[in-house]
Amino acid sequence: MQPTAAQAATSDDELWIETGIKGDIAPGTDFKLELETRRREGPNEYILGAEVNTDVSSALALGGGIEIHDEDGFTEVRPYQQLTFGLGKFDFRSRIEERFYDGADRMALRLRQRARFRTKIADKITGFASGELLYQLRDRNEGGPQRIDQWRLNAGATARIAPELELTGGYLFQIRPRDNGNTRHTHVSQVSLFYRF
């Protein structure tokens, strides 16, 4: 039996396009609504998401949200909660996701830990770089493994192109470690446009 092209590949390329709105809805509380398309070989993925964060102190914020993912009719609903701690040009986010899939045995759980650095690099332009660990605490199927789901390395820049518009371009490198040499690498080009109210 010859492996298919998808089975033989160890890396692939994707384009993530994101649009949305964000802004403050109360003192110390912000809201974001987004629509994202992930273009790739095979079925594209579409994501609708909403998120709210509120400041607990000058350095600490609590928040949460929900995402609905659709890939060729296969749906995942993903509520999540998060804690973000800011320290100068760095911020650290801890997020836990409850993942509900079509036809799954049970709800899956995933922990996401991110560290990010941001700094102004020109007038109205901010650069950023981050690293993130995504750990599968519970698989969606009975007997599924606990494991590192992904590593993500991300870099890019955000430009204020108008008083209410932010344009971001970036590159994301994903590593999905798997047993038996089936680790996959994904190179993602990212572009997003947000209206800030």
N, C-alpha and C. Protein backbone atom coordinates (compact mmCIF):
# COMPACT_ATOMS: atom_id res chain seq x y z
N MET A 1 0.84 -1.20 0.00
CA MET A 1 0.00 0.00 0.00
C MET A 1 0.88 1.25 0.00
N GLN A 2 0.64 2.16 -0.91
CA GLN A 2 1.38 3.41 -0.96
C GLN A 2 0.65 4.46 -0.11
N PRO A 3 1.38 5.25 0.71
CA PRO A 3 0.71 6.27 1.50
C PRO A 3 0.14 7.36 0.61
N THR A 4 -0.97 7.96 1.05
CA THR A 4 -1.52 9.08 0.31
C THR A 4 -0.64 10.30 0.53
N ALA A 5 -0.86 11.33 -0.28
CA ALA A 5 -0.05 12.55 -0.14
C ALA A 5 -0.21 13.15 1.24
N ALA A 6 -1.45 13.13 1.78
CA ALA A 6 -1.69 13.71 3.11
C ALA A 6 -0.96 12.93 4.18
N GLN A 7 -0.93 11.58 4.07
CA GLN A 7 -0.25 10.78 5.08
C GLN A 7 1.26 10.95 4.99
N ALA A 8 1.78 11.13 3.77
CA ALA A 8 3.23 11.21 3.60
C ALA A 8 3.77 12.57 4.00
N ALA A 9 2.96 13.61 3.92
CA ALA A 9 3.43 14.96 4.21
C ALA A 9 3.71 15.14 5.69
N THR A 10 4.76 15.91 6.00
CA THR A 10 5.05 16.25 7.39
C THR A 10 4.88 17.74 7.64
N SER A 11 4.64 18.52 6.58
CA SER A 11 4.42 19.95 6.76
C SER A 11 3.42 20.44 5.71
N ASP A 12 2.74 21.53 6.04
CA ASP A 12 1.81 22.12 5.10
C ASP A 12 1.73 23.62 5.34
N ASP A 13 0.98 24.30 4.48
CA ASP A 13 0.85 25.76 4.53
C ASP A 13 -0.61 26.14 4.65
N GLU A 14 -0.87 27.21 5.42
CA GLU A 14 -2.23 27.71 5.58
C GLU A 14 -2.21 29.23 5.54
N LEU A 15 -3.39 29.80 5.27
CA LEU A 15 -3.61 31.25 5.33
C LEU A 15 -4.80 31.50 6.24
N TRP A 16 -4.59 32.27 7.30
CA TRP A 16 -5.67 32.61 8.23
C TRP A 16 -6.04 34.07 8.02
N ILE A 17 -7.33 34.31 7.72
CA ILE A 17 -7.84 35.66 7.48
C ILE A 17 -8.89 35.96 8.55
N GLU A 18 -8.72 37.07 9.25
CA GLU A 18 -9.57 37.38 10.40
C GLU A 18 -10.10 38.81 10.28
N THR A 19 -11.38 38.99 10.57
CA THR A 19 -11.96 40.32 10.63
C THR A 19 -12.82 40.41 11.89
N GLY A 20 -13.03 41.63 12.38
CA GLY A 20 -13.86 41.74 13.58
C GLY A 20 -13.92 43.15 14.11
N ILE A 21 -14.54 43.25 15.28
CA ILE A 21 -14.64 44.52 15.99
C ILE A 21 -14.21 44.30 17.42
N LYS A 22 -13.67 45.33 18.04
CA LYS A 22 -13.29 45.24 19.45
C LYS A 22 -13.26 46.63 20.06
N GLY A 23 -13.42 46.66 21.37
CA GLY A 23 -13.39 47.94 22.07
C GLY A 23 -13.89 47.79 23.49
N ASP A 24 -13.90 48.90 24.22
CA ASP A 24 -14.34 48.90 25.61
C ASP A 24 -15.86 49.01 25.67
N ILE A 25 -16.46 48.16 26.50
CA ILE A 25 -17.92 48.21 26.69
C ILE A 25 -18.28 48.73 28.07
N ALA A 26 -17.27 48.88 28.93
CA ALA A 26 -17.43 49.46 30.27
C ALA A 26 -16.03 49.79 30.76
N PRO A 27 -15.90 50.63 31.79
CA PRO A 27 -14.56 50.92 32.32
C PRO A 27 -13.84 49.64 32.73
N GLY A 28 -12.67 49.40 32.13
CA GLY A 28 -11.87 48.22 32.45
C GLY A 28 -12.37 46.93 31.84
N THR A 29 -13.35 46.99 30.95
CA THR A 29 -13.90 45.77 30.33
C THR A 29 -13.93 45.93 28.81
N ASP A 30 -13.33 44.98 28.10
CA ASP A 30 -13.31 45.05 26.64
C ASP A 30 -14.03 43.85 26.04
N PHE A 31 -14.46 44.02 24.80
CA PHE A 31 -15.23 43.01 24.07
C PHE A 31 -14.64 42.86 22.67
N LYS A 32 -14.66 41.62 22.17
CA LYS A 32 -14.19 41.35 20.81
C LYS A 32 -15.13 40.37 20.13
N LEU A 33 -15.48 40.64 18.89
CA LEU A 33 -16.28 39.74 18.05
C LEU A 33 -15.50 39.53 16.77
N GLU A 34 -15.28 38.27 16.37
CA GLU A 34 -14.43 38.01 15.22
C GLU A 34 -14.98 36.89 14.34
N LEU A 35 -14.61 36.97 13.07
CA LEU A 35 -14.90 35.93 12.09
C LEU A 35 -13.59 35.59 11.39
N GLU A 36 -13.25 34.30 11.37
CA GLU A 36 -11.96 33.88 10.82
C GLU A 36 -12.16 32.76 9.81
N THR A 37 -11.36 32.81 8.75
CA THR A 37 -11.30 31.75 7.75
C THR A 37 -9.88 31.20 7.73
N ARG A 38 -9.75 29.87 7.82
CA ARG A 38 -8.45 29.22 7.72
C ARG A 38 -8.41 28.43 6.42
N ARG A 39 -7.65 28.94 5.47
CA ARG A 39 -7.57 28.34 4.14
C ARG A 39 -6.41 27.36 4.09
N ARG A 40 -6.68 26.17 3.57
CA ARG A 40 -5.69 25.10 3.57
C ARG A 40 -6.03 24.10 2.48
N GLU A 41 -5.15 23.12 2.29
CA GLU A 41 -5.49 22.00 1.42
C GLU A 41 -6.63 21.23 2.06
N GLY A 42 -7.60 20.82 1.25
CA GLY A 42 -8.77 20.17 1.82
C GLY A 42 -9.77 21.21 2.29
N PRO A 43 -10.73 20.81 3.14
CA PRO A 43 -11.78 21.75 3.57
C PRO A 43 -11.21 22.92 4.37
N ASN A 44 -11.71 24.11 4.07
CA ASN A 44 -11.36 25.27 4.87
C ASN A 44 -12.11 25.22 6.20
N GLU A 45 -11.59 25.97 7.18
CA GLU A 45 -12.22 26.05 8.49
C GLU A 45 -12.74 27.46 8.70
N TYR A 46 -13.94 27.58 9.27
CA TYR A 46 -14.56 28.88 9.54
C TYR A 46 -14.84 28.97 11.04
N ILE A 47 -14.52 30.13 11.63
CA ILE A 47 -14.63 30.31 13.08
C ILE A 47 -15.37 31.61 13.38
N LEU A 48 -16.37 31.52 14.23
CA LEU A 48 -17.06 32.69 14.77
C LEU A 48 -16.78 32.72 16.27
N GLY A 49 -16.28 33.85 16.77
CA GLY A 49 -15.90 33.91 18.18
C GLY A 49 -16.25 35.22 18.84
N ALA A 50 -16.44 35.17 20.15
CA ALA A 50 -16.68 36.37 20.96
C ALA A 50 -15.93 36.23 22.28
N GLU A 51 -15.41 37.35 22.80
CA GLU A 51 -14.59 37.31 24.01
C GLU A 51 -14.80 38.57 24.82
N VAL A 52 -14.80 38.43 26.16
CA VAL A 52 -14.89 39.56 27.09
C VAL A 52 -13.78 39.42 28.12
N ASN A 53 -13.10 40.52 28.42
CA ASN A 53 -12.09 40.55 29.46
C ASN A 53 -12.32 41.76 30.36
N THR A 54 -12.08 41.57 31.65
CA THR A 54 -12.25 42.68 32.59
C THR A 54 -11.03 42.77 33.52
N ASP A 55 -10.59 43.98 33.79
CA ASP A 55 -9.41 44.19 34.62
C ASP A 55 -9.74 43.93 36.09
N VAL A 56 -8.90 43.12 36.72
CA VAL A 56 -8.98 42.91 38.16
C VAL A 56 -8.07 43.89 38.87
N SER A 57 -6.95 44.19 38.24
CA SER A 57 -6.00 45.19 38.73
C SER A 57 -5.28 45.77 37.53
N SER A 58 -4.28 46.59 37.77
CA SER A 58 -3.55 47.19 36.66
C SER A 58 -2.75 46.15 35.88
N ALA A 59 -2.50 44.99 36.47
CA ALA A 59 -1.69 43.98 35.81
C ALA A 59 -2.44 42.69 35.49
N LEU A 60 -3.66 42.54 36.02
CA LEU A 60 -4.35 41.26 35.93
C LEU A 60 -5.74 41.43 35.33
N ALA A 61 -6.08 40.53 34.39
CA ALA A 61 -7.41 40.55 33.77
C ALA A 61 -7.98 39.14 33.73
N LEU A 62 -9.27 39.04 33.97
CA LEU A 62 -10.01 37.79 33.86
C LEU A 62 -10.97 37.89 32.67
N GLY A 63 -11.12 36.77 31.96
CA GLY A 63 -12.01 36.82 30.81
C GLY A 63 -12.43 35.45 30.35
N GLY A 64 -13.13 35.46 29.25
CA GLY A 64 -13.59 34.21 28.66
C GLY A 64 -14.33 34.50 27.37
N GLY A 65 -14.72 33.43 26.71
CA GLY A 65 -15.42 33.60 25.45
C GLY A 65 -15.90 32.28 24.91
N ILE A 66 -16.27 32.31 23.65
CA ILE A 66 -16.75 31.11 22.97
C ILE A 66 -16.38 31.20 21.50
N GLU A 67 -16.03 30.06 20.91
CA GLU A 67 -15.78 29.96 19.48
C GLU A 67 -16.60 28.81 18.92
N ILE A 68 -17.11 29.02 17.72
CA ILE A 68 -17.80 27.96 16.98
C ILE A 68 -16.99 27.69 15.72
N HIS A 69 -16.49 26.47 15.59
CA HIS A 69 -15.65 26.07 14.46
C HIS A 69 -16.46 25.18 13.52
N ASP A 70 -16.33 25.42 12.23
CA ASP A 70 -16.97 24.56 11.24
C ASP A 70 -15.96 24.20 10.16
N GLU A 71 -15.85 22.92 9.90
CA GLU A 71 -14.96 22.43 8.85
C GLU A 71 -15.72 21.40 8.02
N ASP A 72 -16.24 21.87 6.88
CA ASP A 72 -16.99 21.01 5.96
C ASP A 72 -18.16 20.31 6.66
N GLY A 73 -18.87 21.07 7.51
CA GLY A 73 -20.03 20.52 8.19
C GLY A 73 -19.75 19.86 9.52
N PHE A 74 -18.46 19.67 9.87
CA PHE A 74 -18.09 19.11 11.17
C PHE A 74 -17.90 20.27 12.14
N THR A 75 -18.62 20.25 13.26
CA THR A 75 -18.68 21.40 14.15
C THR A 75 -18.03 21.12 15.50
N GLU A 76 -17.32 22.14 15.99
CA GLU A 76 -16.81 22.15 17.36
C GLU A 76 -17.29 23.44 18.02
N VAL A 77 -17.83 23.33 19.23
CA VAL A 77 -18.19 24.49 20.05
C VAL A 77 -17.21 24.55 21.21
N ARG A 78 -16.58 25.72 21.39
CA ARG A 78 -15.45 25.81 22.32
C ARG A 78 -15.58 27.01 23.25
N PRO A 79 -16.26 26.89 24.39
CA PRO A 79 -16.19 27.93 25.42
C PRO A 79 -14.83 27.87 26.13
N TYR A 80 -14.39 29.01 26.67
CA TYR A 80 -13.10 29.02 27.35
C TYR A 80 -13.07 30.12 28.40
N GLN A 81 -12.14 29.96 29.36
CA GLN A 81 -11.89 30.94 30.41
C GLN A 81 -10.40 31.23 30.42
N GLN A 82 -10.03 32.46 30.80
CA GLN A 82 -8.61 32.81 30.76
C GLN A 82 -8.24 33.85 31.80
N LEU A 83 -6.96 33.84 32.15
CA LEU A 83 -6.34 34.78 33.07
C LEU A 83 -5.13 35.37 32.36
N THR A 84 -5.02 36.70 32.33
CA THR A 84 -3.90 37.37 31.66
C THR A 84 -3.19 38.27 32.66
N PHE A 85 -1.86 38.13 32.70
CA PHE A 85 -1.03 38.92 33.60
C PHE A 85 -0.06 39.73 32.76
N GLY A 86 -0.05 41.06 32.94
CA GLY A 86 0.83 41.94 32.20
C GLY A 86 1.99 42.42 33.04
N LEU A 87 3.16 42.45 32.41
CA LEU A 87 4.37 42.90 33.10
C LEU A 87 5.22 43.67 32.10
N GLY A 88 5.06 44.99 32.08
CA GLY A 88 5.79 45.81 31.12
C GLY A 88 5.39 45.47 29.70
N LYS A 89 6.38 45.13 28.88
CA LYS A 89 6.12 44.78 27.48
C LYS A 89 5.73 43.32 27.30
N PHE A 90 5.64 42.57 28.39
CA PHE A 90 5.29 41.15 28.34
C PHE A 90 3.89 40.93 28.90
N ASP A 91 3.21 39.93 28.36
CA ASP A 91 2.00 39.45 29.02
C ASP A 91 1.98 37.93 28.94
N PHE A 92 1.32 37.35 29.94
CA PHE A 92 1.27 35.89 30.09
C PHE A 92 -0.20 35.49 30.24
N ARG A 93 -0.65 34.59 29.37
CA ARG A 93 -2.05 34.19 29.39
C ARG A 93 -2.18 32.70 29.65
N SER A 94 -3.09 32.34 30.55
CA SER A 94 -3.42 30.95 30.83
C SER A 94 -4.90 30.75 30.49
N ARG A 95 -5.18 29.82 29.59
CA ARG A 95 -6.55 29.59 29.12
C ARG A 95 -6.89 28.11 29.21
N ILE A 96 -8.12 27.80 29.62
CA ILE A 96 -8.62 26.43 29.56
C ILE A 96 -9.85 26.41 28.67
N GLU A 97 -9.88 25.42 27.77
CA GLU A 97 -10.96 25.31 26.78
C GLU A 97 -11.76 24.03 27.01
N GLU A 98 -13.08 24.16 26.96
CA GLU A 98 -13.97 22.99 26.93
C GLU A 98 -14.39 22.81 25.47
N ARG A 99 -14.16 21.63 24.93
CA ARG A 99 -14.34 21.43 23.49
C ARG A 99 -15.41 20.36 23.24
N PHE A 100 -16.48 20.77 22.57
CA PHE A 100 -17.60 19.90 22.27
C PHE A 100 -17.62 19.63 20.77
N TYR A 101 -17.45 18.36 20.39
CA TYR A 101 -17.38 17.96 18.98
C TYR A 101 -18.61 17.16 18.57
N ASP A 102 -18.96 17.27 17.30
CA ASP A 102 -19.98 16.38 16.74
C ASP A 102 -19.53 14.93 16.87
N GLY A 103 -20.38 14.07 17.42
CA GLY A 103 -20.12 12.64 17.46
C GLY A 103 -19.05 12.19 18.42
N ALA A 104 -18.61 13.06 19.32
CA ALA A 104 -17.55 12.67 20.27
C ALA A 104 -18.15 11.92 21.46
N ASP A 105 -17.30 11.15 22.15
CA ASP A 105 -17.74 10.43 23.35
C ASP A 105 -18.02 11.38 24.51
N ARG A 106 -17.28 12.49 24.57
CA ARG A 106 -17.36 13.36 25.73
C ARG A 106 -16.74 14.72 25.40
N MET A 107 -16.85 15.65 26.34
CA MET A 107 -16.21 16.95 26.20
C MET A 107 -14.69 16.79 26.36
N ALA A 108 -13.93 17.41 25.48
CA ALA A 108 -12.48 17.44 25.60
C ALA A 108 -12.06 18.69 26.37
N LEU A 109 -10.87 18.63 26.97
CA LEU A 109 -10.31 19.77 27.70
C LEU A 109 -8.91 20.05 27.19
N ARG A 110 -8.61 21.35 27.01
CA ARG A 110 -7.26 21.71 26.58
C ARG A 110 -6.78 22.93 27.35
N LEU A 111 -5.53 22.90 27.78
CA LEU A 111 -4.88 23.99 28.48
C LEU A 111 -3.95 24.71 27.51
N ARG A 112 -4.01 26.05 27.52
CA ARG A 112 -3.14 26.84 26.65
C ARG A 112 -2.39 27.86 27.49
N GLN A 113 -1.05 27.84 27.36
CA GLN A 113 -0.18 28.74 28.12
C GLN A 113 0.63 29.56 27.12
N ARG A 114 0.46 30.89 27.16
CA ARG A 114 1.14 31.75 26.18
C ARG A 114 1.94 32.84 26.87
N ALA A 115 3.13 33.10 26.33
CA ALA A 115 3.94 34.25 26.73
C ALA A 115 4.14 35.12 25.49
N ARG A 116 3.93 36.44 25.64
CA ARG A 116 4.01 37.33 24.48
C ARG A 116 4.78 38.60 24.82
N PHE A 117 5.54 39.09 23.84
CA PHE A 117 6.29 40.33 23.95
C PHE A 117 5.77 41.30 22.89
N ARG A 118 5.50 42.55 23.30
CA ARG A 118 5.04 43.57 22.37
C ARG A 118 5.83 44.85 22.58
N THR A 119 6.14 45.54 21.46
CA THR A 119 6.85 46.81 21.57
C THR A 119 6.57 47.67 20.34
N LYS A 120 6.59 48.97 20.53
CA LYS A 120 6.41 49.89 19.42
C LYS A 120 7.65 49.87 18.55
N ILE A 121 7.48 49.71 17.22
CA ILE A 121 8.63 49.65 16.31
C ILE A 121 8.64 50.84 15.33
N ALA A 122 7.55 51.56 15.25
CA ALA A 122 7.46 52.77 14.42
C ALA A 122 6.19 53.50 14.82
N ASP A 123 5.99 54.68 14.26
CA ASP A 123 4.78 55.44 14.55
C ASP A 123 3.55 54.64 14.14
N LYS A 124 2.67 54.37 15.09
CA LYS A 124 1.42 53.64 14.89
C LYS A 124 1.62 52.17 14.51
N ILE A 125 2.81 51.62 14.74
CA ILE A 125 3.08 50.21 14.44
C ILE A 125 3.67 49.53 15.67
N THR A 126 3.08 48.41 16.07
CA THR A 126 3.54 47.63 17.21
C THR A 126 3.93 46.24 16.75
N GLY A 127 5.12 45.80 17.11
CA GLY A 127 5.57 44.45 16.80
C GLY A 127 5.30 43.52 17.97
N PHE A 128 5.19 42.22 17.65
CA PHE A 128 4.93 41.24 18.70
C PHE A 128 5.60 39.91 18.35
N ALA A 129 5.87 39.14 19.40
CA ALA A 129 6.38 37.77 19.26
C ALA A 129 5.85 36.97 20.44
N SER A 130 5.47 35.72 20.19
CA SER A 130 4.91 34.91 21.27
C SER A 130 5.25 33.44 21.09
N GLY A 131 5.18 32.73 22.20
CA GLY A 131 5.28 31.28 22.20
C GLY A 131 4.14 30.72 23.02
N GLU A 132 3.55 29.60 22.56
CA GLU A 132 2.39 29.05 23.25
C GLU A 132 2.44 27.53 23.26
N LEU A 133 2.10 26.97 24.41
CA LEU A 133 1.96 25.52 24.58
C LEU A 133 0.48 25.19 24.69
N LEU A 134 0.02 24.24 23.88
CA LEU A 134 -1.36 23.75 23.94
C LEU A 134 -1.30 22.29 24.39
N TYR A 135 -1.89 22.01 25.56
CA TYR A 135 -1.79 20.67 26.16
C TYR A 135 -3.18 20.05 26.27
N GLN A 136 -3.33 18.87 25.74
CA GLN A 136 -4.60 18.14 25.80
C GLN A 136 -4.73 17.43 27.15
N LEU A 137 -5.63 17.97 27.99
CA LEU A 137 -5.86 17.37 29.30
C LEU A 137 -6.78 16.16 29.22
N ARG A 138 -7.74 16.21 28.29
CA ARG A 138 -8.66 15.09 28.11
C ARG A 138 -9.09 15.03 26.64
N ASP A 139 -8.97 13.84 26.07
CA ASP A 139 -9.33 13.63 24.68
C ASP A 139 -10.85 13.57 24.54
N ARG A 140 -11.35 13.83 23.35
CA ARG A 140 -12.79 13.78 23.12
C ARG A 140 -13.34 12.36 23.08
N ASN A 141 -12.47 11.37 22.94
CA ASN A 141 -12.88 9.98 22.91
C ASN A 141 -12.35 9.24 24.13
N GLU A 142 -13.14 8.33 24.66
CA GLU A 142 -12.72 7.53 25.83
C GLU A 142 -11.40 6.83 25.53
N GLY A 143 -10.48 6.90 26.49
CA GLY A 143 -9.19 6.24 26.32
C GLY A 143 -8.18 7.02 25.52
N GLY A 144 -8.56 8.22 25.05
CA GLY A 144 -7.62 9.05 24.30
C GLY A 144 -6.51 9.57 25.19
N PRO A 145 -5.38 9.96 24.60
CA PRO A 145 -4.20 10.30 25.40
C PRO A 145 -4.23 11.72 25.96
N GLN A 146 -3.53 11.89 27.08
CA GLN A 146 -3.11 13.21 27.52
C GLN A 146 -1.78 13.47 26.86
N ARG A 147 -1.59 14.66 26.27
CA ARG A 147 -0.35 14.89 25.53
C ARG A 147 -0.23 16.37 25.17
N ILE A 148 0.96 16.74 24.72
CA ILE A 148 1.15 18.05 24.10
C ILE A 148 0.44 18.03 22.76
N ASP A 149 -0.52 18.93 22.60
CA ASP A 149 -1.26 18.99 21.34
C ASP A 149 -0.49 19.80 20.30
N GLN A 150 0.01 20.98 20.71
CA GLN A 150 0.73 21.84 19.78
C GLN A 150 1.73 22.71 20.52
N TRP A 151 2.75 23.13 19.79
CA TRP A 151 3.56 24.29 20.15
C TRP A 151 3.30 25.33 19.07
N ARG A 152 3.18 26.61 19.44
CA ARG A 152 2.98 27.68 18.48
C ARG A 152 4.01 28.79 18.70
N LEU A 153 4.67 29.20 17.62
CA LEU A 153 5.59 30.33 17.64
C LEU A 153 5.06 31.36 16.64
N ASN A 154 4.90 32.59 17.10
CA ASN A 154 4.19 33.60 16.31
C ASN A 154 4.95 34.92 16.35
N ALA A 155 4.97 35.63 15.22
CA ALA A 155 5.58 36.95 15.17
C ALA A 155 4.88 37.78 14.10
N GLY A 156 4.83 39.09 14.33
CA GLY A 156 4.18 39.96 13.35
C GLY A 156 4.13 41.39 13.83
N ALA A 157 3.26 42.18 13.20
CA ALA A 157 3.14 43.59 13.53
C ALA A 157 1.71 44.06 13.28
N THR A 158 1.28 45.02 14.10
CA THR A 158 -0.04 45.63 13.96
C THR A 158 0.13 47.11 13.66
N ALA A 159 -0.57 47.58 12.63
CA ALA A 159 -0.50 48.99 12.23
C ALA A 159 -1.87 49.64 12.38
N ARG A 160 -1.92 50.85 12.93
CA ARG A 160 -3.14 51.63 12.99
C ARG A 160 -3.23 52.40 11.67
N ILE A 161 -4.03 51.88 10.73
CA ILE A 161 -4.08 52.46 9.39
C ILE A 161 -5.14 53.56 9.27
N ALA A 162 -5.99 53.67 10.27
CA ALA A 162 -6.98 54.74 10.37
C ALA A 162 -7.33 54.84 11.85
N PRO A 163 -7.96 55.92 12.27
CA PRO A 163 -8.26 56.06 13.70
C PRO A 163 -9.00 54.86 14.30
N GLU A 164 -9.85 54.19 13.50
CA GLU A 164 -10.63 53.05 14.03
C GLU A 164 -10.22 51.71 13.44
N LEU A 165 -9.19 51.66 12.60
CA LEU A 165 -8.84 50.41 11.92
C LEU A 165 -7.43 49.95 12.27
N GLU A 166 -7.30 48.67 12.61
CA GLU A 166 -6.01 48.04 12.88
C GLU A 166 -5.80 46.89 11.89
N LEU A 167 -4.65 46.90 11.22
CA LEU A 167 -4.28 45.85 10.28
C LEU A 167 -3.08 45.10 10.84
N THR A 168 -3.19 43.78 10.92
CA THR A 168 -2.11 42.95 11.46
C THR A 168 -1.67 41.93 10.42
N GLY A 169 -0.37 41.77 10.29
CA GLY A 169 0.21 40.71 9.48
C GLY A 169 1.17 39.91 10.33
N GLY A 170 1.19 38.59 10.13
CA GLY A 170 2.07 37.78 10.95
C GLY A 170 2.36 36.42 10.35
N TYR A 171 3.26 35.73 11.01
CA TYR A 171 3.64 34.37 10.64
C TYR A 171 3.54 33.50 11.88
N LEU A 172 2.91 32.33 11.73
CA LEU A 172 2.75 31.38 12.82
C LEU A 172 3.33 30.04 12.40
N PHE A 173 4.17 29.48 13.26
CA PHE A 173 4.73 28.15 13.03
C PHE A 173 4.15 27.20 14.07
N GLN A 174 3.44 26.18 13.61
CA GLN A 174 2.83 25.20 14.50
C GLN A 174 3.60 23.88 14.44
N ILE A 175 3.79 23.29 15.61
CA ILE A 175 4.38 21.96 15.71
C ILE A 175 3.38 21.08 16.45
N ARG A 176 2.98 19.97 15.82
CA ARG A 176 2.06 19.02 16.45
C ARG A 176 2.82 17.72 16.69
N PRO A 177 3.38 17.55 17.89
CA PRO A 177 4.14 16.32 18.17
C PRO A 177 3.21 15.11 18.22
N ARG A 178 3.57 14.05 17.54
CA ARG A 178 2.79 12.82 17.55
C ARG A 178 3.74 11.62 17.60
N ASP A 179 3.22 10.51 18.08
CA ASP A 179 4.02 9.30 18.17
C ASP A 179 4.33 8.75 16.78
N ASN A 180 5.28 7.81 16.74
CA ASN A 180 5.62 7.08 15.51
C ASN A 180 6.08 7.99 14.38
N GLY A 181 6.74 9.11 14.74
CA GLY A 181 7.30 9.98 13.72
C GLY A 181 6.28 10.75 12.91
N ASN A 182 5.05 10.89 13.40
CA ASN A 182 4.00 11.57 12.64
C ASN A 182 3.85 13.04 13.03
N THR A 183 4.91 13.63 13.57
CA THR A 183 4.87 15.05 13.92
C THR A 183 4.65 15.89 12.68
N ARG A 184 3.74 16.87 12.80
CA ARG A 184 3.42 17.74 11.66
C ARG A 184 3.84 19.17 11.96
N HIS A 185 4.28 19.86 10.91
CA HIS A 185 4.64 21.27 10.99
C HIS A 185 3.75 22.05 10.03
N THR A 186 3.24 23.19 10.50
CA THR A 186 2.37 24.01 9.67
C THR A 186 2.90 25.43 9.65
N HIS A 187 3.05 25.97 8.45
CA HIS A 187 3.47 27.36 8.25
C HIS A 187 2.23 28.17 7.92
N VAL A 188 1.91 29.15 8.76
CA VAL A 188 0.66 29.90 8.62
C VAL A 188 0.97 31.38 8.37
N SER A 189 0.46 31.89 7.27
CA SER A 189 0.46 33.34 7.02
C SER A 189 -0.83 33.90 7.59
N GLN A 190 -0.72 35.01 8.32
CA GLN A 190 -1.88 35.57 9.01
C GLN A 190 -2.11 37.02 8.60
N VAL A 191 -3.38 37.37 8.41
CA VAL A 191 -3.75 38.76 8.19
C VAL A 191 -5.07 39.01 8.89
N SER A 192 -5.18 40.16 9.57
CA SER A 192 -6.43 40.48 10.26
C SER A 192 -6.70 41.97 10.16
N LEU A 193 -7.99 42.30 10.13
CA LEU A 193 -8.43 43.68 10.09
C LEU A 193 -9.52 43.85 11.14
N PHE A 194 -9.29 44.76 12.10
CA PHE A 194 -10.25 45.00 13.17
C PHE A 194 -10.69 46.45 13.19
N TYR A 195 -11.98 46.63 13.41
CA TYR A 195 -12.53 47.97 13.66
C TYR A 195 -12.59 48.16 15.17
N ARG A 196 -11.97 49.23 15.65
CA ARG A 196 -11.96 49.50 17.09
C ARG A 196 -12.96 50.61 17.39
N PHE A 197 -13.94 50.28 18.22
CA PHE A 197 -14.97 51.27 18.56
C PHE A 197 -14.66 51.93 19.90
